[in-house]
C-alpha atoms as a PDB file:
ATOM      1  CA  UNK A   1     -14.372   7.789 -16.648  1.00  0.00           C
ATOM      2  CA  UNK A   2     -15.432   4.172 -16.839  1.00  0.00           C
ATOM      3  CA  UNK A   3     -18.163   2.988 -14.488  1.00  0.00           C
ATOM      4  CA  UNK A   4     -15.879   0.455 -12.792  1.00  0.00           C
ATOM      5  CA  UNK A   5     -13.149   3.019 -12.187  1.00  0.00           C
ATOM      6  CA  UNK A   6     -15.654   5.644 -11.010  1.00  0.00           C
ATOM      7  CA  UNK A   7     -17.037   3.158  -8.493  1.00  0.00           C
ATOM      8  CA  UNK A   8     -13.535   2.489  -7.166  1.00  0.00           C
ATOM      9  CA  UNK A   9     -12.831   6.211  -6.822  1.00  0.00           C
ATOM     10  CA  UNK A  10     -16.134   6.616  -4.935  1.00  0.00           C
ATOM     11  CA  UNK A  11     -15.258   3.730  -2.584  1.00  0.00           C
ATOM     12  CA  UNK A  12     -11.813   5.207  -1.994  1.00  0.00           C
ATOM     13  CA  UNK A  13     -13.297   8.614  -1.146  1.00  0.00           C
ATOM     14  CA  UNK A  14     -15.617   6.918   1.328  1.00  0.00           C
ATOM     15  CA  UNK A  15     -12.657   5.149   2.947  1.00  0.00           C
ATOM     16  CA  UNK A  16     -10.594   8.332   3.106  1.00  0.00           C
ATOM     17  CA  UNK A  17     -13.284  10.032   5.210  1.00  0.00           C
ATOM     18  CA  UNK A  18     -12.400   7.604   8.000  1.00  0.00           C
ATOM     19  CA  UNK A  19      -8.656   7.128   7.426  1.00  0.00           C
ATOM     20  CA  UNK A  20      -5.932   9.663   8.079  1.00  0.00           C
ATOM     21  CA  UNK A  21      -2.250   9.016   8.491  1.00  0.00           C
ATOM     22  CA  UNK A  22      -0.444  10.819  11.306  1.00  0.00           C
ATOM     23  CA  UNK A  23       3.213  10.945  12.309  1.00  0.00           C
ATOM     24  CA  UNK A  24       2.581   8.157  14.853  1.00  0.00           C
ATOM     25  CA  UNK A  25       0.475   5.940  12.578  1.00  0.00           C
ATOM     26  CA  UNK A  26       0.975   6.839   8.912  1.00  0.00           C
ATOM     27  CA  UNK A  27      -1.289   5.563   6.133  1.00  0.00           C
ATOM     28  CA  UNK A  28      -0.186   2.644   3.943  1.00  0.00           C
ATOM     29  CA  UNK A  29      -1.780   3.485   0.590  1.00  0.00           C
ATOM     30  CA  UNK A  30      -1.929   0.864  -2.167  1.00  0.00           C
ATOM     31  CA  UNK A  31      -2.686   1.344  -5.865  1.00  0.00           C
ATOM     32  CA  UNK A  32      -3.050  -1.543  -8.280  1.00  0.00           C
ATOM     33  CA  UNK A  33      -3.050  -1.226 -12.052  1.00  0.00           C
ATOM     34  CA  UNK A  34      -3.409  -4.071 -14.504  1.00  0.00           C
ATOM     35  CA  UNK A  35       0.346  -4.454 -14.788  1.00  0.00           C
ATOM     36  CA  UNK A  36       1.912  -2.947 -11.635  1.00  0.00           C
ATOM     37  CA  UNK A  37       1.317  -2.390  -7.920  1.00  0.00           C
ATOM     38  CA  UNK A  38       2.457   0.607  -5.889  1.00  0.00           C
ATOM     39  CA  UNK A  39       2.538   1.181  -2.117  1.00  0.00           C
ATOM     40  CA  UNK A  40       3.397   4.236  -0.028  1.00  0.00           C
ATOM     41  CA  UNK A  41       3.540   5.042   3.676  1.00  0.00           C
ATOM     42  CA  UNK A  42       2.176   8.590   3.993  1.00  0.00           C
ATOM     43  CA  UNK A  43       2.012  11.134   6.825  1.00  0.00           C
ATOM     44  CA  UNK A  44      -1.135  13.075   5.868  1.00  0.00           C
ATOM     45  CA  UNK A  45      -0.649  15.755   8.540  1.00  0.00           C
ATOM     46  CA  UNK A  46       2.769  16.772   7.196  1.00  0.00           C
ATOM     47  CA  UNK A  47       1.711  15.911   3.635  1.00  0.00           C
ATOM     48  CA  UNK A  48       4.735  13.798   2.787  1.00  0.00           C
ATOM     49  CA  UNK A  49       5.566  10.263   1.750  1.00  0.00           C
ATOM     50  CA  UNK A  50       7.821   8.515   4.255  1.00  0.00           C
ATOM     51  CA  UNK A  51       8.490   5.263   2.368  1.00  0.00           C
ATOM     52  CA  UNK A  52       7.517   3.890  -1.047  1.00  0.00           C
ATOM     53  CA  UNK A  53       7.907   0.681  -3.049  1.00  0.00           C
ATOM     54  CA  UNK A  54       6.539  -0.510  -6.372  1.00  0.00           C
ATOM     55  CA  UNK A  55       6.741  -3.299  -8.894  1.00  0.00           C
ATOM     56  CA  UNK A  56       8.626  -0.962 -11.249  1.00  0.00           C
ATOM     57  CA  UNK A  57      11.790  -1.401  -9.171  1.00  0.00           C
ATOM     58  CA  UNK A  58      14.399  -3.966 -10.157  1.00  0.00           C
ATOM     59  CA  UNK A  59      14.322  -5.359  -6.599  1.00  0.00           C
ATOM     60  CA  UNK A  60      10.677  -6.407  -7.085  1.00  0.00           C
ATOM     61  CA  UNK A  61      11.724  -8.891  -9.748  1.00  0.00           C
ATOM     62  CA  UNK A  62       9.554 -10.504 -12.375  1.00  0.00           C
ATOM     63  CA  UNK A  63       7.060 -13.311 -12.355  1.00  0.00           C
ATOM     64  CA  UNK A  64       3.446 -13.807 -11.410  1.00  0.00           C
ATOM     65  CA  UNK A  65       1.602 -10.669 -10.299  1.00  0.00           C
ATOM     66  CA  UNK A  66       0.851 -12.056  -6.822  1.00  0.00           C
ATOM     67  CA  UNK A  67       4.516 -13.007  -6.287  1.00  0.00           C
ATOM     68  CA  UNK A  68       5.595  -9.504  -7.287  1.00  0.00           C
ATOM     69  CA  UNK A  69       3.000  -8.015  -4.902  1.00  0.00           C
ATOM     70  CA  UNK A  70       4.448 -10.135  -2.082  1.00  0.00           C
ATOM     71  CA  UNK A  71       7.952  -8.873  -2.887  1.00  0.00           C
ATOM     72  CA  UNK A  72       6.744  -5.248  -2.923  1.00  0.00           C
ATOM     73  CA  UNK A  73       5.106  -5.786   0.482  1.00  0.00           C
ATOM     74  CA  UNK A  74       8.361  -7.160   1.917  1.00  0.00           C
ATOM     75  CA  UNK A  75      10.342  -4.253   0.472  1.00  0.00           C
ATOM     76  CA  UNK A  76       7.905  -1.734   1.922  1.00  0.00           C
ATOM     77  CA  UNK A  77       7.923  -3.393   5.341  1.00  0.00           C
ATOM     78  CA  UNK A  78      11.714  -3.451   5.481  1.00  0.00           C
ATOM     79  CA  UNK A  79      12.016   0.180   4.384  1.00  0.00           C
ATOM     80  CA  UNK A  80       9.348   1.269   6.874  1.00  0.00           C
ATOM     81  CA  UNK A  81      11.146  -0.525   9.713  1.00  0.00           C
ATOM     82  CA  UNK A  82      14.394   1.180   8.701  1.00  0.00           C
ATOM     83  CA  UNK A  83      12.570   4.541   8.770  1.00  0.00           C
ATOM     84  CA  UNK A  84      11.250   3.814  12.270  1.00  0.00           C
ATOM     85  CA  UNK A  85       7.623   3.133  11.319  1.00  0.00           C
ATOM     86  CA  UNK A  86       5.974   0.274  13.210  1.00  0.00           C
ATOM     87  CA  UNK A  87       2.190   0.913  13.070  1.00  0.00           C
ATOM     88  CA  UNK A  88       0.213   2.017  10.028  1.00  0.00           C
ATOM     89  CA  UNK A  89      -3.412   2.282   8.951  1.00  0.00           C
ATOM     90  CA  UNK A  90      -4.160   0.336   5.766  1.00  0.00           C
ATOM     91  CA  UNK A  91      -5.736   2.205   2.849  1.00  0.00           C
ATOM     92  CA  UNK A  92      -6.728  -0.356   0.218  1.00  0.00           C
ATOM     93  CA  UNK A  93      -7.572   2.414  -2.256  1.00  0.00           C
ATOM     94  CA  UNK A  94     -11.119   1.255  -2.937  1.00  0.00           C
ATOM     95  CA  UNK A  95      -9.912  -2.141  -4.155  1.00  0.00           C
ATOM     96  CA  UNK A  96     -11.304  -5.385  -2.718  1.00  0.00           C
ATOM     97  CA  UNK A  97      -9.095  -6.937  -0.059  1.00  0.00           C
ATOM     98  CA  UNK A  98      -8.123 -10.060  -1.976  1.00  0.00           C
ATOM     99  CA  UNK A  99      -5.514 -11.196  -4.479  1.00  0.00           C
ATOM    100  CA  UNK A 100      -2.584  -8.837  -4.922  1.00  0.00           C
ATOM    101  CA  UNK A 101      -3.799  -6.347  -2.298  1.00  0.00           C
ATOM    102  CA  UNK A 102      -4.032  -9.090   0.355  1.00  0.00           C
ATOM    103  CA  UNK A 103      -0.647 -10.575  -0.630  1.00  0.00           C
ATOM    104  CA  UNK A 104       1.037  -7.177  -0.314  1.00  0.00           C
ATOM    105  CA  UNK A 105      -0.600  -6.572   3.087  1.00  0.00           C
ATOM    106  CA  UNK A 106       0.368 -10.003   4.433  1.00  0.00           C
ATOM    107  CA  UNK A 107       3.987  -9.563   3.302  1.00  0.00           C
ATOM    108  CA  UNK A 108       4.160  -6.113   4.927  1.00  0.00           C
ATOM    109  CA  UNK A 109       2.838  -7.608   8.178  1.00  0.00           C
ATOM    110  CA  UNK A 110       5.457 -10.368   8.080  1.00  0.00           C
ATOM    111  CA  UNK A 111       8.156  -7.733   7.488  1.00  0.00           C
ATOM    112  CA  UNK A 112       7.203  -6.043  10.767  1.00  0.00           C
ATOM    113  CA  UNK A 113       4.384  -3.565  10.106  1.00  0.00           C
ATOM    114  CA  UNK A 114       1.350  -3.642  12.399  1.00  0.00           C
ATOM    115  CA  UNK A 115      -2.171  -2.890  11.130  1.00  0.00           C
END
């Protein structure tokens, strides 16, 4: 494993010690690759994904990576609201909170999620 990736995995493990999604406040987990971005709302107690969205979907569209991340955040927020989820805990996956991660989070907040 590359040093950069190993450091991210270590940071994520450190975050996961403190974060756990429940039925009341599920975990919004984000993963960012070089090309795509993925987000899930997860109930860790039941061990199931409640809602998911990614840049692979046609609804996410094409364009600049940050614009696509914003669209994915809106999609996730709308789907979560439809599923009855209002509050979540944000799991940035060991990534820095800037760029695409921040855009996705801001769009999810505007779509109605609280965190």
